[in-house]
Amino acid sequence: MSDSPMFERDLARLIGACEAGLDLAGVLSAAGGAVRDALSASSAAAYTVSGDGAELALVWGEGPETLTAPGLEPVLVDGRAMLPLVSARRSLGCIVADGVGDQAGLTRARIAAGIAAQA
């Protein structure tokens, strides 16, 4: 896996953000970068569940201000990946990557999203 060192670097940043107690935007920024790199995507954005739980609100990155919450499983369609942030079978948000160039990186992206959800 030629991109393994880059993923390991991104994962170390994400874990460091969690351990340092960075705010939510800091953790999601590290997770979004890891997901973007794992999928060789052109961009990524992170969302959290809004106060009323009806939709997702943008926290980091560029994208629409709100999204409809996806299910609990990742979705990869037409070059867009939506990776739910799931903890205890409950969706807390989502990382969206656009311009996905490497679908094989989905497993690595799911690992980053899983760590962010637990933080």
N, C-alpha and C. Protein backbone atom coordinates (compact mmCIF):
# COMPACT_ATOMS: atom_id res chain seq x y z
N MET A 1 0.84 -1.16 0.00
CA MET A 1 0.00 0.00 0.00
C MET A 1 0.90 1.24 0.00
N SER A 2 0.98 1.94 -1.12
CA SER A 2 1.90 3.05 -1.23
C SER A 2 1.50 4.26 -0.39
N ASP A 3 0.22 4.41 -0.09
CA ASP A 3 -0.21 5.58 0.68
C ASP A 3 -0.27 5.29 2.18
N SER A 4 0.20 4.15 2.61
CA SER A 4 0.15 3.79 4.02
C SER A 4 0.88 4.79 4.91
N PRO A 5 2.08 5.28 4.55
CA PRO A 5 2.74 6.27 5.42
C PRO A 5 1.91 7.55 5.57
N MET A 6 1.25 8.00 4.49
CA MET A 6 0.43 9.20 4.57
C MET A 6 -0.76 8.95 5.49
N PHE A 7 -1.39 7.78 5.36
CA PHE A 7 -2.53 7.47 6.22
C PHE A 7 -2.09 7.37 7.67
N GLU A 8 -0.95 6.75 7.91
CA GLU A 8 -0.43 6.66 9.27
C GLU A 8 -0.18 8.04 9.85
N ARG A 9 0.34 8.96 9.05
CA ARG A 9 0.56 10.34 9.49
C ARG A 9 -0.77 11.01 9.83
N ASP A 10 -1.77 10.85 8.94
CA ASP A 10 -3.08 11.44 9.17
C ASP A 10 -3.74 10.86 10.41
N LEU A 11 -3.60 9.55 10.59
CA LEU A 11 -4.18 8.90 11.76
C LEU A 11 -3.50 9.38 13.04
N ALA A 12 -2.19 9.56 12.98
CA ALA A 12 -1.47 10.07 14.15
C ALA A 12 -1.94 11.49 14.49
N ARG A 13 -2.20 12.32 13.48
CA ARG A 13 -2.73 13.67 13.72
C ARG A 13 -4.10 13.60 14.37
N LEU A 14 -4.95 12.71 13.87
CA LEU A 14 -6.29 12.57 14.42
C LEU A 14 -6.24 12.11 15.87
N ILE A 15 -5.44 11.11 16.14
CA ILE A 15 -5.32 10.62 17.52
C ILE A 15 -4.74 11.71 18.42
N GLY A 16 -3.76 12.45 17.92
CA GLY A 16 -3.18 13.56 18.68
C GLY A 16 -4.23 14.63 18.99
N ALA A 17 -5.10 14.93 18.02
CA ALA A 17 -6.17 15.91 18.24
C ALA A 17 -7.12 15.43 19.33
N CYS A 18 -7.43 14.15 19.31
CA CYS A 18 -8.32 13.59 20.34
C CYS A 18 -7.65 13.63 21.71
N GLU A 19 -6.39 13.22 21.77
CA GLU A 19 -5.68 13.19 23.05
C GLU A 19 -5.44 14.58 23.61
N ALA A 20 -5.26 15.57 22.73
CA ALA A 20 -4.99 16.94 23.17
C ALA A 20 -6.27 17.63 23.65
N GLY A 21 -7.40 16.99 23.43
CA GLY A 21 -8.65 17.59 23.85
C GLY A 21 -9.05 18.77 22.99
N LEU A 22 -8.64 18.74 21.71
CA LEU A 22 -9.04 19.82 20.81
C LEU A 22 -10.55 19.91 20.74
N ASP A 23 -11.03 21.07 20.38
CA ASP A 23 -12.48 21.24 20.24
C ASP A 23 -12.99 20.37 19.09
N LEU A 24 -14.29 20.29 19.00
CA LEU A 24 -14.93 19.44 17.99
C LEU A 24 -14.45 19.77 16.59
N ALA A 25 -14.36 21.04 16.26
CA ALA A 25 -13.91 21.44 14.92
C ALA A 25 -12.48 20.96 14.65
N GLY A 26 -11.62 20.99 15.66
CA GLY A 26 -10.24 20.52 15.50
C GLY A 26 -10.17 19.03 15.23
N VAL A 27 -10.95 18.26 15.97
CA VAL A 27 -10.99 16.81 15.76
C VAL A 27 -11.57 16.49 14.39
N LEU A 28 -12.66 17.17 14.03
CA LEU A 28 -13.28 16.90 12.74
C LEU A 28 -12.41 17.36 11.58
N SER A 29 -11.63 18.40 11.77
CA SER A 29 -10.69 18.83 10.75
C SER A 29 -9.64 17.74 10.50
N ALA A 30 -9.10 17.18 11.56
CA ALA A 30 -8.11 16.10 11.43
C ALA A 30 -8.74 14.88 10.78
N ALA A 31 -9.96 14.53 11.18
CA ALA A 31 -10.65 13.37 10.61
C ALA A 31 -10.99 13.61 9.14
N GLY A 32 -11.46 14.82 8.82
CA GLY A 32 -11.79 15.14 7.44
C GLY A 32 -10.57 15.06 6.53
N GLY A 33 -9.44 15.55 7.01
CA GLY A 33 -8.21 15.45 6.23
C GLY A 33 -7.79 14.01 6.01
N ALA A 34 -7.93 13.19 7.04
CA ALA A 34 -7.58 11.77 6.90
C ALA A 34 -8.50 11.07 5.91
N VAL A 35 -9.79 11.37 5.97
CA VAL A 35 -10.75 10.77 5.03
C VAL A 35 -10.45 11.24 3.61
N ARG A 36 -10.23 12.53 3.44
CA ARG A 36 -9.92 13.08 2.10
C ARG A 36 -8.69 12.38 1.52
N ASP A 37 -7.63 12.25 2.31
CA ASP A 37 -6.41 11.63 1.81
C ASP A 37 -6.59 10.13 1.56
N ALA A 38 -7.31 9.45 2.45
CA ALA A 38 -7.52 8.00 2.28
C ALA A 38 -8.27 7.69 0.99
N LEU A 39 -9.17 8.58 0.60
CA LEU A 39 -9.98 8.36 -0.60
C LEU A 39 -9.43 9.11 -1.82
N SER A 40 -8.29 9.77 -1.67
CA SER A 40 -7.74 10.62 -2.74
C SER A 40 -8.82 11.54 -3.29
N ALA A 41 -9.57 12.14 -2.39
CA ALA A 41 -10.70 13.01 -2.76
C ALA A 41 -10.21 14.44 -2.99
N SER A 42 -10.98 15.19 -3.73
CA SER A 42 -10.62 16.58 -3.98
C SER A 42 -10.98 17.49 -2.81
N SER A 43 -11.99 17.11 -2.03
CA SER A 43 -12.38 17.92 -0.88
C SER A 43 -13.12 17.06 0.14
N ALA A 44 -13.24 17.60 1.34
CA ALA A 44 -13.99 16.92 2.40
C ALA A 44 -14.61 17.96 3.30
N ALA A 45 -15.69 17.59 3.95
CA ALA A 45 -16.38 18.46 4.91
C ALA A 45 -16.93 17.58 6.02
N ALA A 46 -17.05 18.16 7.21
CA ALA A 46 -17.57 17.42 8.36
C ALA A 46 -18.83 18.09 8.88
N TYR A 47 -19.78 17.28 9.26
CA TYR A 47 -21.08 17.74 9.74
C TYR A 47 -21.41 17.06 11.06
N THR A 48 -22.16 17.77 11.90
CA THR A 48 -22.69 17.16 13.13
C THR A 48 -24.21 17.30 13.11
N VAL A 49 -24.85 16.47 13.90
CA VAL A 49 -26.31 16.50 13.99
C VAL A 49 -26.73 17.83 14.60
N SER A 50 -27.72 18.45 13.99
CA SER A 50 -28.22 19.74 14.49
C SER A 50 -28.92 19.54 15.83
N GLY A 51 -29.20 20.63 16.50
CA GLY A 51 -29.83 20.60 17.81
C GLY A 51 -31.13 19.82 17.84
N ASP A 52 -31.93 19.95 16.79
CA ASP A 52 -33.21 19.23 16.77
C ASP A 52 -33.08 17.83 16.19
N GLY A 53 -31.87 17.47 15.71
CA GLY A 53 -31.63 16.13 15.19
C GLY A 53 -32.20 15.86 13.81
N ALA A 54 -32.79 16.87 13.18
CA ALA A 54 -33.44 16.67 11.89
C ALA A 54 -32.48 16.69 10.71
N GLU A 55 -31.34 17.36 10.87
CA GLU A 55 -30.40 17.45 9.76
C GLU A 55 -28.98 17.57 10.29
N LEU A 56 -28.04 17.63 9.37
CA LEU A 56 -26.64 17.78 9.73
C LEU A 56 -26.20 19.21 9.43
N ALA A 57 -25.40 19.78 10.32
CA ALA A 57 -24.91 21.14 10.16
C ALA A 57 -23.39 21.12 9.89
N LEU A 58 -22.94 21.92 8.94
CA LEU A 58 -21.53 22.01 8.58
C LEU A 58 -20.70 22.53 9.75
N VAL A 59 -19.61 21.82 10.06
CA VAL A 59 -18.70 22.22 11.14
C VAL A 59 -17.32 22.56 10.58
N TRP A 60 -16.90 21.84 9.55
CA TRP A 60 -15.57 22.03 8.99
C TRP A 60 -15.60 21.74 7.49
N GLY A 61 -14.83 22.49 6.73
CA GLY A 61 -14.69 22.26 5.30
C GLY A 61 -15.67 23.09 4.49
N GLU A 62 -15.72 22.80 3.21
CA GLU A 62 -16.61 23.51 2.31
C GLU A 62 -17.70 22.57 1.82
N GLY A 63 -18.91 23.06 1.88
CA GLY A 63 -20.06 22.27 1.44
C GLY A 63 -21.32 22.99 1.82
N PRO A 64 -22.45 22.38 1.54
CA PRO A 64 -23.71 23.00 1.92
C PRO A 64 -23.78 23.18 3.44
N GLU A 65 -24.47 24.20 3.89
CA GLU A 65 -24.59 24.47 5.33
C GLU A 65 -25.29 23.34 6.08
N THR A 66 -26.24 22.67 5.41
CA THR A 66 -26.95 21.55 6.03
C THR A 66 -27.08 20.40 5.03
N LEU A 67 -27.24 19.21 5.56
CA LEU A 67 -27.46 17.99 4.77
C LEU A 67 -28.50 17.14 5.48
N THR A 68 -29.12 16.27 4.72
CA THR A 68 -29.98 15.26 5.31
C THR A 68 -29.08 14.17 5.88
N ALA A 69 -29.36 13.72 7.08
CA ALA A 69 -28.54 12.70 7.73
C ALA A 69 -28.61 11.39 6.96
N PRO A 70 -27.43 10.76 6.71
CA PRO A 70 -27.42 9.45 6.06
C PRO A 70 -27.75 8.37 7.08
N GLY A 71 -27.81 7.15 6.62
CA GLY A 71 -28.01 6.01 7.52
C GLY A 71 -26.73 5.76 8.31
N LEU A 72 -26.62 4.58 8.86
CA LEU A 72 -25.47 4.24 9.71
C LEU A 72 -24.31 3.61 8.94
N GLU A 73 -24.49 3.37 7.65
CA GLU A 73 -23.44 2.75 6.83
C GLU A 73 -22.90 3.76 5.82
N PRO A 74 -21.62 3.66 5.48
CA PRO A 74 -21.05 4.55 4.47
C PRO A 74 -21.76 4.39 3.12
N VAL A 75 -21.81 5.49 2.38
CA VAL A 75 -22.41 5.49 1.05
C VAL A 75 -21.38 6.08 0.09
N LEU A 76 -21.16 5.41 -1.03
CA LEU A 76 -20.23 5.89 -2.04
C LEU A 76 -20.96 5.87 -3.38
N VAL A 77 -21.31 7.07 -3.88
CA VAL A 77 -22.07 7.18 -5.12
C VAL A 77 -21.54 8.35 -5.95
N ASP A 78 -21.31 8.11 -7.22
CA ASP A 78 -20.91 9.17 -8.16
C ASP A 78 -19.77 10.04 -7.64
N GLY A 79 -18.73 9.40 -7.11
CA GLY A 79 -17.57 10.14 -6.66
C GLY A 79 -17.72 10.86 -5.34
N ARG A 80 -18.83 10.62 -4.62
CA ARG A 80 -19.06 11.22 -3.31
C ARG A 80 -19.19 10.12 -2.27
N ALA A 81 -18.42 10.26 -1.20
CA ALA A 81 -18.50 9.32 -0.08
C ALA A 81 -19.10 10.05 1.12
N MET A 82 -20.05 9.40 1.76
CA MET A 82 -20.63 9.91 3.00
C MET A 82 -20.34 8.88 4.08
N LEU A 83 -19.53 9.27 5.06
CA LEU A 83 -19.14 8.37 6.13
C LEU A 83 -19.76 8.85 7.43
N PRO A 84 -20.80 8.15 7.89
CA PRO A 84 -21.44 8.56 9.14
C PRO A 84 -20.50 8.43 10.33
N LEU A 85 -20.64 9.33 11.27
CA LEU A 85 -19.92 9.27 12.54
C LEU A 85 -20.86 8.58 13.52
N VAL A 86 -20.59 7.31 13.78
CA VAL A 86 -21.52 6.48 14.55
C VAL A 86 -20.90 6.06 15.87
N SER A 87 -21.67 6.24 16.94
CA SER A 87 -21.28 5.77 18.26
C SER A 87 -22.51 5.14 18.91
N ALA A 88 -22.34 3.95 19.42
CA ALA A 88 -23.45 3.22 20.07
C ALA A 88 -24.68 3.15 19.14
N ARG A 89 -24.42 2.85 17.87
CA ARG A 89 -25.47 2.70 16.84
C ARG A 89 -26.31 3.97 16.68
N ARG A 90 -25.71 5.12 16.99
CA ARG A 90 -26.39 6.40 16.83
C ARG A 90 -25.52 7.31 15.97
N SER A 91 -26.11 7.94 14.97
CA SER A 91 -25.37 8.84 14.09
C SER A 91 -25.18 10.19 14.78
N LEU A 92 -23.91 10.62 14.87
CA LEU A 92 -23.57 11.89 15.50
C LEU A 92 -23.24 12.95 14.45
N GLY A 93 -23.05 12.52 13.23
CA GLY A 93 -22.67 13.41 12.15
C GLY A 93 -22.19 12.63 10.96
N CYS A 94 -21.37 13.27 10.13
CA CYS A 94 -20.95 12.64 8.89
C CYS A 94 -19.76 13.39 8.32
N ILE A 95 -18.87 12.68 7.66
CA ILE A 95 -17.81 13.29 6.87
C ILE A 95 -18.13 13.00 5.41
N VAL A 96 -18.13 14.04 4.60
CA VAL A 96 -18.45 13.92 3.19
C VAL A 96 -17.19 14.22 2.39
N ALA A 97 -16.83 13.33 1.49
CA ALA A 97 -15.68 13.53 0.61
C ALA A 97 -16.18 13.56 -0.83
N ASP A 98 -15.80 14.59 -1.57
CA ASP A 98 -16.19 14.72 -2.97
C ASP A 98 -14.98 14.52 -3.87
N GLY A 99 -15.25 14.05 -5.08
CA GLY A 99 -14.18 13.81 -6.03
C GLY A 99 -13.32 12.63 -5.62
N VAL A 100 -13.96 11.58 -5.11
CA VAL A 100 -13.25 10.40 -4.65
C VAL A 100 -12.50 9.76 -5.81
N GLY A 101 -11.19 9.58 -5.63
CA GLY A 101 -10.37 8.99 -6.67
C GLY A 101 -9.91 7.59 -6.37
N ASP A 102 -10.06 7.13 -5.13
CA ASP A 102 -9.58 5.81 -4.73
C ASP A 102 -10.59 5.14 -3.81
N GLN A 103 -11.51 4.39 -4.40
CA GLN A 103 -12.53 3.72 -3.60
C GLN A 103 -11.94 2.66 -2.68
N ALA A 104 -10.75 2.18 -3.01
CA ALA A 104 -10.09 1.17 -2.18
C ALA A 104 -9.73 1.74 -0.81
N GLY A 105 -9.68 3.06 -0.68
CA GLY A 105 -9.35 3.68 0.59
C GLY A 105 -10.52 3.76 1.56
N LEU A 106 -11.67 3.20 1.18
CA LEU A 106 -12.86 3.30 2.03
C LEU A 106 -12.63 2.70 3.42
N THR A 107 -11.91 1.60 3.51
CA THR A 107 -11.65 1.00 4.83
C THR A 107 -10.86 1.96 5.71
N ARG A 108 -9.83 2.59 5.14
CA ARG A 108 -9.03 3.55 5.91
C ARG A 108 -9.89 4.75 6.32
N ALA A 109 -10.74 5.21 5.40
CA ALA A 109 -11.62 6.35 5.70
C ALA A 109 -12.58 6.01 6.83
N ARG A 110 -13.10 4.78 6.83
CA ARG A 110 -14.01 4.36 7.90
C ARG A 110 -13.32 4.32 9.25
N ILE A 111 -12.05 3.95 9.26
CA ILE A 111 -11.29 3.94 10.52
C ILE A 111 -11.20 5.36 11.07
N ALA A 112 -10.85 6.32 10.22
CA ALA A 112 -10.75 7.72 10.66
C ALA A 112 -12.09 8.23 11.16
N ALA A 113 -13.17 7.93 10.44
CA ALA A 113 -14.50 8.37 10.86
C ALA A 113 -14.88 7.73 12.19
N GLY A 114 -14.53 6.47 12.38
CA GLY A 114 -14.84 5.78 13.63
C GLY A 114 -14.12 6.38 14.83
N ILE A 115 -12.87 6.75 14.64
CA ILE A 115 -12.12 7.38 15.72
C ILE A 115 -12.72 8.74 16.06
N ALA A 116 -13.06 9.51 15.04
CA ALA A 116 -13.66 10.83 15.27
C ALA A 116 -15.00 10.69 16.00
N ALA A 117 -15.79 9.70 15.67
CA ALA A 117 -17.09 9.51 16.32
C ALA A 117 -16.91 9.21 17.80
N GLN A 118 -15.87 8.50 18.16
CA GLN A 118 -15.66 8.16 19.56
C GLN A 118 -15.11 9.34 20.36
N ALA A 119 -14.50 10.30 19.64
CA ALA A 119 -13.93 11.46 20.33
C ALA A 119 -15.06 12.39 20.74
